[in-house]
Structures are given as C-alpha cells and as structure tokens.
Amino acid sequence: MTTGIVIAAAGRGERFTQAGGAGNKLNAVLQGSTVFEQTLRQALASGLPVQVVTRPENLPVQRACAAHQVPVTLLASGGLGESIAAGVAATSGWHGWLIHLADMPFVTPA
C-alpha cells in the first residue's frame, strides 16, 4: 500500500500580499532558500512519494519540482479543497494521502 504526500501549493497567497509581502509567499527567501524549497526538501526527506499541486504561473515552484523530479499538477485553484481533490486524482494509485501545506517549511519528516 502506498501512502504519499500531496503538497498544496496552489493558493493565491492573498493574506501575504495584504500584509505587505511582495510576490508569492512560497517564493520568498527564508534562511537561504525559498519557503517552498524548504517545504519540498522536508517532504522528500520522509522517503514517501510526493506530488505537488501548484498554480500554472508559479514557475519557481515548477522549477524546484523539476530539479527533484517531483510530479506537478497545475491548477488555478479556487481553494484548498480543489487542490486536495486534484492531488488525490493525480495519485489515484495511492492508498493514503498526507496533505502538506506548501507554506509550512518547518514541518519535519519526523
């Protein structure tokens, strides 16, 4: 039985920009790499398969996934539920899913 991680990275990040942040929060640099890159590394360190759902225009997230050979589902998501549904549909062969928000880089594999 396969259980994997779906990283939800298709949000618009509106609260981030409303709070004064520039650009997409997933691409903000935090401790030397982007928020998303750190989240992705943590997920990959778990040893579980990873699937990312991101917006079509978020090229930095897509490039990070390509560098680690992580499959991506592109979705102009209207909300987290849509992202989860797209990630589960893309990994229908899995038997279980861990949903990981892309803006949580300090969640460790443990």
PDB file of N, CA and C in Angstrom:
ATOM      1  N   MET A   1       0.836  -1.184   0.000  1.00  0.00           N
ATOM      2  CA  MET A   1       0.000   0.000   0.000  1.00  0.00           C
ATOM      3  C   MET A   1       0.879   1.244   0.000  1.00  0.00           C
ATOM      4  N   THR A   2       0.586   2.163  -0.871  1.00  0.00           N
ATOM      5  CA  THR A   2       1.368   3.387  -0.981  1.00  0.00           C
ATOM      6  C   THR A   2       0.644   4.549  -0.323  1.00  0.00           C
ATOM      7  N   THR A   3       1.340   5.209   0.552  1.00  0.00           N
ATOM      8  CA  THR A   3       0.885   6.475   1.119  1.00  0.00           C
ATOM      9  C   THR A   3       1.884   7.531   0.683  1.00  0.00           C
ATOM     10  N   GLY A   4       1.392   8.680   0.263  1.00  0.00           N
ATOM     11  CA  GLY A   4       2.283   9.734  -0.188  1.00  0.00           C
ATOM     12  C   GLY A   4       1.857  11.093   0.325  1.00  0.00           C
ATOM     13  N   ILE A   5       2.637  12.076  -0.047  1.00  0.00           N
ATOM     14  CA  ILE A   5       2.417  13.450   0.394  1.00  0.00           C
ATOM     15  C   ILE A   5       1.963  14.301  -0.784  1.00  0.00           C
ATOM     16  N   VAL A   6       0.827  14.949  -0.633  1.00  0.00           N
ATOM     17  CA  VAL A   6       0.370  15.940  -1.595  1.00  0.00           C
ATOM     18  C   VAL A   6       0.687  17.307  -0.989  1.00  0.00           C
ATOM     19  N   ILE A   7       1.544  18.056  -1.670  1.00  0.00           N
ATOM     20  CA  ILE A   7       1.866  19.412  -1.212  1.00  0.00           C
ATOM     21  C   ILE A   7       0.944  20.391  -1.931  1.00  0.00           C
ATOM     22  N   ALA A   8       0.142  21.085  -1.140  1.00  0.00           N
ATOM     23  CA  ALA A   8      -0.800  22.069  -1.678  1.00  0.00           C
ATOM     24  C   ALA A   8      -0.091  23.411  -1.816  1.00  0.00           C
ATOM     25  N   ALA A   9       0.228  23.752  -3.076  1.00  0.00           N
ATOM     26  CA  ALA A   9       0.986  24.974  -3.369  1.00  0.00           C
ATOM     27  C   ALA A   9       0.266  25.820  -4.408  1.00  0.00           C
ATOM     28  N   ALA A  10      -1.070  25.725  -4.447  1.00  0.00           N
ATOM     29  CA  ALA A  10      -1.824  26.413  -5.493  1.00  0.00           C
ATOM     30  C   ALA A  10      -2.647  27.589  -4.975  1.00  0.00           C
ATOM     31  N   GLY A  11      -2.388  28.001  -3.754  1.00  0.00           N
ATOM     32  CA  GLY A  11      -3.121  29.145  -3.212  1.00  0.00           C
ATOM     33  C   GLY A  11      -2.660  30.452  -3.834  1.00  0.00           C
ATOM     34  N   ARG A  12      -3.453  31.469  -3.639  1.00  0.00           N
ATOM     35  CA  ARG A  12      -3.134  32.785  -4.205  1.00  0.00           C
ATOM     36  C   ARG A  12      -2.254  33.611  -3.270  1.00  0.00           C
ATOM     37  N   GLY A  13      -2.161  33.256  -2.004  1.00  0.00           N
ATOM     38  CA  GLY A  13      -1.321  33.994  -1.063  1.00  0.00           C
ATOM     39  C   GLY A  13      -1.797  35.404  -0.808  1.00  0.00           C
ATOM     40  N   GLU A  14      -3.093  35.604  -0.817  1.00  0.00           N
ATOM     41  CA  GLU A  14      -3.641  36.960  -0.683  1.00  0.00           C
ATOM     42  C   GLU A  14      -3.324  37.594   0.670  1.00  0.00           C
ATOM     43  N   ARG A  15      -3.372  36.820   1.737  1.00  0.00           N
ATOM     44  CA  ARG A  15      -3.076  37.405   3.055  1.00  0.00           C
ATOM     45  C   ARG A  15      -1.626  37.872   3.138  1.00  0.00           C
ATOM     46  N   PHE A  16      -0.730  37.159   2.471  1.00  0.00           N
ATOM     47  CA  PHE A  16       0.683  37.543   2.454  1.00  0.00           C
ATOM     48  C   PHE A  16       0.864  38.912   1.806  1.00  0.00           C
ATOM     49  N   THR A  17       0.249  39.108   0.652  1.00  0.00           N
ATOM     50  CA  THR A  17       0.404  40.392  -0.028  1.00  0.00           C
ATOM     51  C   THR A  17      -0.355  41.500   0.700  1.00  0.00           C
ATOM     52  N   GLN A  18      -1.497  41.171   1.285  1.00  0.00           N
ATOM     53  CA  GLN A  18      -2.244  42.168   2.058  1.00  0.00           C
ATOM     54  C   GLN A  18      -1.452  42.637   3.279  1.00  0.00           C
ATOM     55  N   ALA A  19      -0.607  41.743   3.789  1.00  0.00           N
ATOM     56  CA  ALA A  19       0.219  42.088   4.949  1.00  0.00           C
ATOM     57  C   ALA A  19       1.504  42.812   4.541  1.00  0.00           C
ATOM     58  N   GLY A  20       1.680  43.063   3.234  1.00  0.00           N
ATOM     59  CA  GLY A  20       2.835  43.816   2.778  1.00  0.00           C
ATOM     60  C   GLY A  20       3.908  42.986   2.101  1.00  0.00           C
ATOM     61  N   GLY A  21       3.704  41.676   1.987  1.00  0.00           N
ATOM     62  CA  GLY A  21       4.673  40.820   1.315  1.00  0.00           C
ATOM     63  C   GLY A  21       4.666  41.069  -0.184  1.00  0.00           C
ATOM     64  N   ALA A  22       5.804  40.844  -0.817  1.00  0.00           N
ATOM     65  CA  ALA A  22       5.924  41.044  -2.260  1.00  0.00           C
ATOM     66  C   ALA A  22       5.958  39.698  -2.969  1.00  0.00           C
ATOM     67  N   GLY A  23       5.151  39.544  -4.007  1.00  0.00           N
ATOM     68  CA  GLY A  23       5.147  38.311  -4.782  1.00  0.00           C
ATOM     69  C   GLY A  23       4.438  37.183  -4.060  1.00  0.00           C
ATOM     70  N   ASN A  24       4.714  35.983  -4.503  1.00  0.00           N
ATOM     71  CA  ASN A  24       4.111  34.790  -3.917  1.00  0.00           C
ATOM     72  C   ASN A  24       4.923  34.364  -2.700  1.00  0.00           C
ATOM     73  N   LYS A  25       4.259  34.126  -1.588  1.00  0.00           N
ATOM     74  CA  LYS A  25       4.977  33.792  -0.352  1.00  0.00           C
ATOM     75  C   LYS A  25       5.797  32.513  -0.472  1.00  0.00           C
ATOM     76  N   LEU A  26       5.393  31.600  -1.343  1.00  0.00           N
ATOM     77  CA  LEU A  26       6.152  30.357  -1.487  1.00  0.00           C
ATOM     78  C   LEU A  26       7.525  30.605  -2.083  1.00  0.00           C
ATOM     79  N   ASN A  27       7.670  31.720  -2.802  1.00  0.00           N
ATOM     80  CA  ASN A  27       8.937  32.055  -3.449  1.00  0.00           C
ATOM     81  C   ASN A  27       9.763  33.043  -2.634  1.00  0.00           C
ATOM     82  N   ALA A  28       9.270  33.401  -1.459  1.00  0.00           N
ATOM     83  CA  ALA A  28      10.023  34.290  -0.574  1.00  0.00           C
ATOM     84  C   ALA A  28      11.226  33.541  -0.014  1.00  0.00           C
ATOM     85  N   VAL A  29      12.350  34.222   0.080  1.00  0.00           N
ATOM     86  CA  VAL A  29      13.570  33.597   0.601  1.00  0.00           C
ATOM     87  C   VAL A  29      13.526  33.616   2.120  1.00  0.00           C
ATOM     88  N   LEU A  30      13.806  32.451   2.677  1.00  0.00           N
ATOM     89  CA  LEU A  30      13.818  32.251   4.119  1.00  0.00           C
ATOM     90  C   LEU A  30      15.033  31.393   4.436  1.00  0.00           C
ATOM     91  N   GLN A  31      15.972  31.951   5.154  1.00  0.00           N
ATOM     92  CA  GLN A  31      17.175  31.211   5.548  1.00  0.00           C
ATOM     93  C   GLN A  31      17.903  30.597   4.348  1.00  0.00           C
ATOM     94  N   GLY A  32      18.039  31.369   3.288  1.00  0.00           N
ATOM     95  CA  GLY A  32      18.879  30.958   2.169  1.00  0.00           C
ATOM     96  C   GLY A  32      18.202  30.230   1.020  1.00  0.00           C
ATOM     97  N   SER A  33      16.963  29.813   1.178  1.00  0.00           N
ATOM     98  CA  SER A  33      16.231  29.208   0.065  1.00  0.00           C
ATOM     99  C   SER A  33      14.762  29.592   0.209  1.00  0.00           C
ATOM    100  N   THR A  34      13.973  29.265  -0.794  1.00  0.00           N
ATOM    101  CA  THR A  34      12.581  29.696  -0.728  1.00  0.00           C
ATOM    102  C   THR A  34      11.790  28.859   0.279  1.00  0.00           C
ATOM    103  N   VAL A  35      10.676  29.432   0.689  1.00  0.00           N
ATOM    104  CA  VAL A  35       9.767  28.723   1.598  1.00  0.00           C
ATOM    105  C   VAL A  35       9.376  27.385   0.980  1.00  0.00           C
ATOM    106  N   PHE A  36       9.013  27.399  -0.304  1.00  0.00           N
ATOM    107  CA  PHE A  36       8.609  26.154  -0.953  1.00  0.00           C
ATOM    108  C   PHE A  36       9.746  25.139  -1.023  1.00  0.00           C
ATOM    109  N   GLU A  37      10.946  25.584  -1.396  1.00  0.00           N
ATOM    110  CA  GLU A  37      12.074  24.647  -1.492  1.00  0.00           C
ATOM    111  C   GLU A  37      12.324  23.962  -0.151  1.00  0.00           C
ATOM    112  N   GLN A  38      12.206  24.695   0.922  1.00  0.00           N
ATOM    113  CA  GLN A  38      12.407  24.097   2.236  1.00  0.00           C
ATOM    114  C   GLN A  38      11.304  23.076   2.551  1.00  0.00           C
ATOM    115  N   THR A  39      10.065  23.438   2.222  1.00  0.00           N
ATOM    116  CA  THR A  39       8.956  22.510   2.435  1.00  0.00           C
ATOM    117  C   THR A  39       9.153  21.247   1.610  1.00  0.00           C
ATOM    118  N   LEU A  40       9.536  21.413   0.356  1.00  0.00           N
ATOM    119  CA  LEU A  40       9.747  20.263  -0.524  1.00  0.00           C
ATOM    120  C   LEU A  40      10.853  19.358   0.001  1.00  0.00           C
ATOM    121  N   ARG A  41      11.960  19.939   0.443  1.00  0.00           N
ATOM    122  CA  ARG A  41      13.061  19.129   0.990  1.00  0.00           C
ATOM    123  C   ARG A  41      12.610  18.315   2.193  1.00  0.00           C
ATOM    124  N   GLN A  42      11.826  18.920   3.064  1.00  0.00           N
ATOM    125  CA  GLN A  42      11.328  18.201   4.243  1.00  0.00           C
ATOM    126  C   GLN A  42      10.459  17.021   3.812  1.00  0.00           C
ATOM    127  N   ALA A  43       9.580  17.260   2.852  1.00  0.00           N
ATOM    128  CA  ALA A  43       8.700  16.185   2.384  1.00  0.00           C
ATOM    129  C   ALA A  43       9.506  15.059   1.746  1.00  0.00           C
ATOM    130  N   LEU A  44      10.470  15.406   0.902  1.00  0.00           N
ATOM    131  CA  LEU A  44      11.291  14.385   0.245  1.00  0.00           C
ATOM    132  C   LEU A  44      12.110  13.590   1.255  1.00  0.00           C
ATOM    133  N   ALA A  45      12.551  14.228   2.312  1.00  0.00           N
ATOM    134  CA  ALA A  45      13.347  13.545   3.341  1.00  0.00           C
ATOM    135  C   ALA A  45      12.541  12.468   4.057  1.00  0.00           C
ATOM    136  N   SER A  46      11.226  12.505   3.938  1.00  0.00           N
ATOM    137  CA  SER A  46      10.393  11.488   4.570  1.00  0.00           C
ATOM    138  C   SER A  46      10.527  10.134   3.882  1.00  0.00           C
ATOM    139  N   GLY A  47      10.972  10.157   2.633  1.00  0.00           N
ATOM    140  CA  GLY A  47      11.072   8.924   1.862  1.00  0.00           C
ATOM    141  C   GLY A  47       9.765   8.523   1.188  1.00  0.00           C
ATOM    142  N   LEU A  48       8.700   9.262   1.443  1.00  0.00           N
ATOM    143  CA  LEU A  48       7.407   8.986   0.811  1.00  0.00           C
ATOM    144  C   LEU A  48       7.341   9.639  -0.567  1.00  0.00           C
ATOM    145  N   PRO A  49       6.527   9.102  -1.465  1.00  0.00           N
ATOM    146  CA  PRO A  49       6.344   9.791  -2.744  1.00  0.00           C
ATOM    147  C   PRO A  49       5.668  11.138  -2.522  1.00  0.00           C
ATOM    148  N   VAL A  50       5.996  12.090  -3.391  1.00  0.00           N
ATOM    149  CA  VAL A  50       5.482  13.452  -3.257  1.00  0.00           C
ATOM    150  C   VAL A  50       4.849  13.876  -4.575  1.00  0.00           C
ATOM    151  N   GLN A  51       3.707  14.535  -4.474  1.00  0.00           N
ATOM    152  CA  GLN A  51       3.005  15.141  -5.609  1.00  0.00           C
ATOM    153  C   GLN A  51       2.709  16.579  -5.219  1.00  0.00           C
ATOM    154  N   VAL A  52       2.980  17.525  -6.105  1.00  0.00           N
ATOM    155  CA  VAL A  52       2.749  18.936  -5.818  1.00  0.00           C
ATOM    156  C   VAL A  52       1.620  19.456  -6.698  1.00  0.00           C
ATOM    157  N   VAL A  53       0.736  20.235  -6.105  1.00  0.00           N
ATOM    158  CA  VAL A  53      -0.310  20.939  -6.846  1.00  0.00           C
ATOM    159  C   VAL A  53       0.011  22.422  -6.746  1.00  0.00           C
ATOM    160  N   THR A  54       0.227  23.061  -7.893  1.00  0.00           N
ATOM    161  CA  THR A  54       0.583  24.479  -7.888  1.00  0.00           C
ATOM    162  C   THR A  54      -0.094  25.211  -9.030  1.00  0.00           C
ATOM    163  N   ARG A  55      -0.032  26.508  -8.971  1.00  0.00           N
ATOM    164  CA  ARG A  55      -0.657  27.357  -9.992  1.00  0.00           C
ATOM    165  C   ARG A  55       0.185  27.338 -11.273  1.00  0.00           C
ATOM    166  N   PRO A  56      -0.456  27.436 -12.432  1.00  0.00           N
ATOM    167  CA  PRO A  56       0.286  27.417 -13.699  1.00  0.00           C
ATOM    168  C   PRO A  56       1.324  28.527 -13.810  1.00  0.00           C
ATOM    169  N   GLU A  57       1.082  29.664 -13.193  1.00  0.00           N
ATOM    170  CA  GLU A  57       2.018  30.789 -13.310  1.00  0.00           C
ATOM    171  C   GLU A  57       3.161  30.739 -12.311  1.00  0.00           C
ATOM    172  N   ASN A  58       3.142  29.782 -11.384  1.00  0.00           N
ATOM    173  CA  ASN A  58       4.201  29.747 -10.375  1.00  0.00           C
ATOM    174  C   ASN A  58       5.392  28.930 -10.897  1.00  0.00           C
ATOM    175  N   LEU A  59       6.142  29.553 -11.755  1.00  0.00           N
ATOM    176  CA  LEU A  59       7.290  28.880 -12.389  1.00  0.00           C
ATOM    177  C   LEU A  59       8.386  28.505 -11.406  1.00  0.00           C
ATOM    178  N   PRO A  60       8.696  29.311 -10.376  1.00  0.00           N
ATOM    179  CA  PRO A  60       9.731  28.880  -9.432  1.00  0.00           C
ATOM    180  C   PRO A  60       9.390  27.562  -8.720  1.00  0.00           C
ATOM    181  N   VAL A  61       8.139  27.368  -8.363  1.00  0.00           N
ATOM    182  CA  VAL A  61       7.733  26.108  -7.735  1.00  0.00           C
ATOM    183  C   VAL A  61       7.879  24.970  -8.740  1.00  0.00           C
ATOM    184  N   GLN A  62       7.467  25.209  -9.976  1.00  0.00           N
ATOM    185  CA  GLN A  62       7.589  24.166 -11.001  1.00  0.00           C
ATOM    186  C   GLN A  62       9.052  23.800 -11.252  1.00  0.00           C
ATOM    187  N   ARG A  63       9.936  24.793 -11.255  1.00  0.00           N
ATOM    188  CA  ARG A  63      11.364  24.517 -11.470  1.00  0.00           C
ATOM    189  C   ARG A  63      11.946  23.713 -10.306  1.00  0.00           C
ATOM    190  N   ALA A  64      11.563  24.050  -9.097  1.00  0.00           N
ATOM    191  CA  ALA A  64      12.059  23.305  -7.928  1.00  0.00           C
ATOM    192  C   ALA A  64      11.612  21.850  -8.002  1.00  0.00           C
ATOM    193  N   CYS A  65      10.372  21.639  -8.418  1.00  0.00           N
ATOM    194  CA  CYS A  65       9.868  20.268  -8.554  1.00  0.00           C
ATOM    195  C   CYS A  65      10.624  19.519  -9.644  1.00  0.00           C
ATOM    196  N   ALA A  66      10.854  20.168 -10.770  1.00  0.00           N
ATOM    197  CA  ALA A  66      11.586  19.536 -11.867  1.00  0.00           C
ATOM    198  C   ALA A  66      12.995  19.156 -11.432  1.00  0.00           C
ATOM    199  N   ALA A  67      13.636  20.011 -10.653  1.00  0.00           N
ATOM    200  CA  ALA A  67      15.002  19.729 -10.189  1.00  0.00           C
ATOM    201  C   ALA A  67      15.058  18.480  -9.318  1.00  0.00           C
ATOM    202  N   HIS A  68      13.957  18.159  -8.661  1.00  0.00           N
ATOM    203  CA  HIS A  68      13.904  16.982  -7.782  1.00  0.00           C
ATOM    204  C   HIS A  68      13.054  15.864  -8.379  1.00  0.00           C
ATOM    205  N   GLN A  69      12.674  16.012  -9.632  1.00  0.00           N
ATOM    206  CA  GLN A  69      11.856  15.031 -10.354  1.00  0.00           C
ATOM    207  C   GLN A  69      10.567  14.713  -9.601  1.00  0.00           C
ATOM    208  N   VAL A  70       9.931  15.755  -9.089  1.00  0.00           N
ATOM    209  CA  VAL A  70       8.667  15.620  -8.369  1.00  0.00           C
ATOM    210  C   VAL A  70       7.537  15.987  -9.331  1.00  0.00           C
ATOM    211  N   PRO A  71       6.544  15.111  -9.483  1.00  0.00           N
ATOM    212  CA  PRO A  71       5.442  15.423 -10.385  1.00  0.00           C
ATOM    213  C   PRO A  71       4.594  16.584  -9.881  1.00  0.00           C
ATOM    214  N   VAL A  72       4.058  17.330 -10.842  1.00  0.00           N
ATOM    215  CA  VAL A  72       3.289  18.541 -10.550  1.00  0.00           C
ATOM    216  C   VAL A  72       1.949  18.476 -11.263  1.00  0.00           C
ATOM    217  N   THR A  73       0.919  18.887 -10.558  1.00  0.00           N
ATOM    218  CA  THR A  73      -0.390  19.110 -11.153  1.00  0.00           C
ATOM    219  C   THR A  73      -0.605  20.614 -11.166  1.00  0.00           C
ATOM    220  N   LEU A  74      -0.927  21.164 -12.328  1.00  0.00           N
ATOM    221  CA  LEU A  74      -1.154  22.602 -12.446  1.00  0.00           C
ATOM    222  C   LEU A  74      -2.640  22.893 -12.280  1.00  0.00           C
ATOM    223  N   LEU A  75      -2.932  23.853 -11.417  1.00  0.00           N
ATOM    224  CA  LEU A  75      -4.324  24.173 -11.113  1.00  0.00           C
ATOM    225  C   LEU A  75      -4.426  25.611 -10.643  1.00  0.00           C
ATOM    226  N   ALA A  76      -5.283  26.390 -11.288  1.00  0.00           N
ATOM    227  CA  ALA A  76      -5.600  27.732 -10.807  1.00  0.00           C
ATOM    228  C   ALA A  76      -6.674  27.543  -9.738  1.00  0.00           C
ATOM    229  N   SER A  77      -6.251  27.130  -8.575  1.00  0.00           N
ATOM    230  CA  SER A  77      -7.142  26.688  -7.510  1.00  0.00           C
ATOM    231  C   SER A  77      -7.963  27.819  -6.923  1.00  0.00           C
ATOM    232  N   GLY A  78      -9.217  27.507  -6.685  1.00  0.00           N
ATOM    233  CA  GLY A  78     -10.092  28.440  -6.002  1.00  0.00           C
ATOM    234  C   GLY A  78     -10.113  28.209  -4.503  1.00  0.00           C
ATOM    235  N   GLY A  79      -9.422  27.173  -4.054  1.00  0.00           N
ATOM    236  CA  GLY A  79      -9.395  26.882  -2.631  1.00  0.00           C
ATOM    237  C   GLY A  79      -8.699  25.569  -2.341  1.00  0.00           C
ATOM    238  N   LEU A  80      -8.441  25.331  -1.073  1.00  0.00           N
ATOM    239  CA  LEU A  80      -7.685  24.153  -0.653  1.00  0.00           C
ATOM    240  C   LEU A  80      -8.384  22.856  -1.056  1.00  0.00           C
ATOM    241  N   GLY A  81      -9.699  22.832  -0.983  1.00  0.00           N
ATOM    242  CA  GLY A  81     -10.438  21.623  -1.363  1.00  0.00           C
ATOM    243  C   GLY A  81     -10.177  21.222  -2.801  1.00  0.00           C
ATOM    244  N   GLU A  82     -10.134  22.188  -3.694  1.00  0.00           N
ATOM    245  CA  GLU A  82      -9.842  21.911  -5.106  1.00  0.00           C
ATOM    246  C   GLU A  82      -8.421  21.361  -5.268  1.00  0.00           C
ATOM    247  N   SER A  83      -7.484  21.921  -4.521  1.00  0.00           N
ATOM    248  CA  SER A  83      -6.092  21.462  -4.594  1.00  0.00           C
ATOM    249  C   SER A  83      -5.973  20.027  -4.109  1.00  0.00           C
ATOM    250  N   ILE A  84      -6.631  19.730  -3.008  1.00  0.00           N
ATOM    251  CA  ILE A  84      -6.586  18.361  -2.475  1.00  0.00           C
ATOM    252  C   ILE A  84      -7.204  17.388  -3.475  1.00  0.00           C
ATOM    253  N   ALA A  85      -8.352  17.740  -4.019  1.00  0.00           N
ATOM    254  CA  ALA A  85      -9.012  16.866  -4.987  1.00  0.00           C
ATOM    255  C   ALA A  85      -8.128  16.614  -6.200  1.00  0.00           C
ATOM    256  N   ALA A  86      -7.453  17.653  -6.697  1.00  0.00           N
ATOM    257  CA  ALA A  86      -6.573  17.500  -7.855  1.00  0.00           C
ATOM    258  C   ALA A  86      -5.376  16.617  -7.518  1.00  0.00           C
ATOM    259  N   GLY A  87      -4.803  16.801  -6.327  1.00  0.00           N
ATOM    260  CA  GLY A  87      -3.663  15.982  -5.918  1.00  0.00           C
ATOM    261  C   GLY A  87      -4.035  14.521  -5.738  1.00  0.00           C
ATOM    262  N   VAL A  88      -5.190  14.263  -5.157  1.00  0.00           N
ATOM    263  CA  VAL A  88      -5.649  12.882  -4.970  1.00  0.00           C
ATOM    264  C   VAL A  88      -5.966  12.249  -6.325  1.00  0.00           C
ATOM    265  N   ALA A  89      -6.610  12.999  -7.211  1.00  0.00           N
ATOM    266  CA  ALA A  89      -6.914  12.471  -8.544  1.00  0.00           C
ATOM    267  C   ALA A  89      -5.641  12.122  -9.310  1.00  0.00           C
ATOM    268  N   ALA A  90      -4.598  12.929  -9.138  1.00  0.00           N
ATOM    269  CA  ALA A  90      -3.329  12.690  -9.845  1.00  0.00           C
ATOM    270  C   ALA A  90      -2.571  11.491  -9.289  1.00  0.00           C
ATOM    271  N   THR A  91      -2.945  11.058  -8.099  1.00  0.00           N
ATOM    272  CA  THR A  91      -2.236   9.945  -7.437  1.00  0.00           C
ATOM    273  C   THR A  91      -3.235   8.859  -7.051  1.00  0.00           C
ATOM    274  N   SER A  92      -4.147   8.570  -7.945  1.00  0.00           N
ATOM    275  CA  SER A  92      -5.237   7.643  -7.626  1.00  0.00           C
ATOM    276  C   SER A  92      -4.759   6.236  -7.282  1.00  0.00           C
ATOM    277  N   GLY A  93      -3.524   5.904  -7.603  1.00  0.00           N
ATOM    278  CA  GLY A  93      -2.978   4.600  -7.246  1.00  0.00           C
ATOM    279  C   GLY A  93      -2.520   4.510  -5.795  1.00  0.00           C
ATOM    280  N   TRP A  94      -2.423   5.632  -5.134  1.00  0.00           N
ATOM    281  CA  TRP A  94      -2.048   5.621  -3.722  1.00  0.00           C
ATOM    282  C   TRP A  94      -3.224   5.140  -2.888  1.00  0.00           C
ATOM    283  N   HIS A  95      -2.937   4.661  -1.698  1.00  0.00           N
ATOM    284  CA  HIS A  95      -3.978   4.210  -0.777  1.00  0.00           C
ATOM    285  C   HIS A  95      -4.185   5.187   0.372  1.00  0.00           C
ATOM    286  N   GLY A  96      -3.274   6.127   0.524  1.00  0.00           N
ATOM    287  CA  GLY A  96      -3.386   7.113   1.593  1.00  0.00           C
ATOM    288  C   GLY A  96      -2.639   8.375   1.215  1.00  0.00           C
ATOM    289  N   TRP A  97      -3.101   9.494   1.761  1.00  0.00           N
ATOM    290  CA  TRP A  97      -2.534  10.791   1.416  1.00  0.00           C
ATOM    291  C   TRP A  97      -2.283  11.611   2.672  1.00  0.00           C
ATOM    292  N   LEU A  98      -1.109  12.208   2.746  1.00  0.00           N
ATOM    293  CA  LEU A  98      -0.809  13.211   3.760  1.00  0.00           C
ATOM    294  C   LEU A  98      -0.858  14.549   3.038  1.00  0.00           C
ATOM    295  N   ILE A  99      -1.681  15.446   3.508  1.00  0.00           N
ATOM    296  CA  ILE A  99      -1.813  16.752   2.877  1.00  0.00           C
ATOM    297  C   ILE A  99      -0.894  17.716   3.608  1.00  0.00           C
ATOM    298  N   HIS A 100       0.016  18.320   2.853  1.00  0.00           N
ATOM    299  CA  HIS A 100       1.019  19.205   3.448  1.00  0.00           C
ATOM    300  C   HIS A 100       0.897  20.580   2.798  1.00  0.00           C
ATOM    301  N   LEU A 101       0.703  21.595   3.600  1.00  0.00           N
ATOM    302  CA  LEU A 101       0.627  22.953   3.077  1.00  0.00           C
ATOM    303  C   LEU A 101       2.022  23.431   2.693  1.00  0.00           C
ATOM    304  N   ALA A 102       2.138  24.018   1.536  1.00  0.00           N
ATOM    305  CA  ALA A 102       3.445  24.404   0.990  1.00  0.00           C
ATOM    306  C   ALA A 102       4.124  25.519   1.751  1.00  0.00           C
ATOM    307  N   ASP A 103       3.376  26.241   2.568  1.00  0.00           N
ATOM    308  CA  ASP A 103       3.975  27.351   3.310  1.00  0.00           C
ATOM    309  C   ASP A 103       4.314  26.972   4.748  1.00  0.00           C
ATOM    310  N   MET A 104       4.624  25.690   4.949  1.00  0.00           N
ATOM    311  CA  MET A 104       4.993  25.216   6.287  1.00  0.00           C
ATOM    312  C   MET A 104       6.346  24.500   6.227  1.00  0.00           C
ATOM    313  N   PRO A 105       7.432  25.278   6.046  1.00  0.00           N
ATOM    314  CA  PRO A 105       8.754  24.679   5.834  1.00  0.00           C
ATOM    315  C   PRO A 105       9.373  24.046   7.071  1.00  0.00           C
ATOM    316  N   PHE A 106       8.799  24.270   8.226  1.00  0.00           N
ATOM    317  CA  PHE A 106       9.410  23.741   9.438  1.00  0.00           C
ATOM    318  C   PHE A 106       8.761  22.446   9.916  1.00  0.00           C
ATOM    319  N   VAL A 107       7.849  21.881   9.119  1.00  0.00           N
ATOM    320  CA  VAL A 107       7.289  20.569   9.429  1.00  0.00           C
ATOM    321  C   VAL A 107       8.332  19.539   9.004  1.00  0.00           C
ATOM    322  N   THR A 108       8.832  18.787   9.952  1.00  0.00           N
ATOM    323  CA  THR A 108       9.915  17.837   9.665  1.00  0.00           C
ATOM    324  C   THR A 108       9.362  16.487   9.261  1.00  0.00           C
ATOM    325  N   PRO A 109      10.185  15.650   8.666  1.00  0.00           N
ATOM    326  CA  PRO A 109       9.748  14.308   8.307  1.00  0.00           C
ATOM    327  C   PRO A 109       9.305  13.476   9.518  1.00  0.00           C
ATOM    328  N   ALA A 110       9.902  13.762  10.655  1.00  0.00           N
ATOM    329  CA  ALA A 110       9.519  13.012  11.859  1.00  0.00           C
ATOM    330  C   ALA A 110       8.087  13.335  12.257  1.00  0.00           C
TER     331      ALA A 110
END
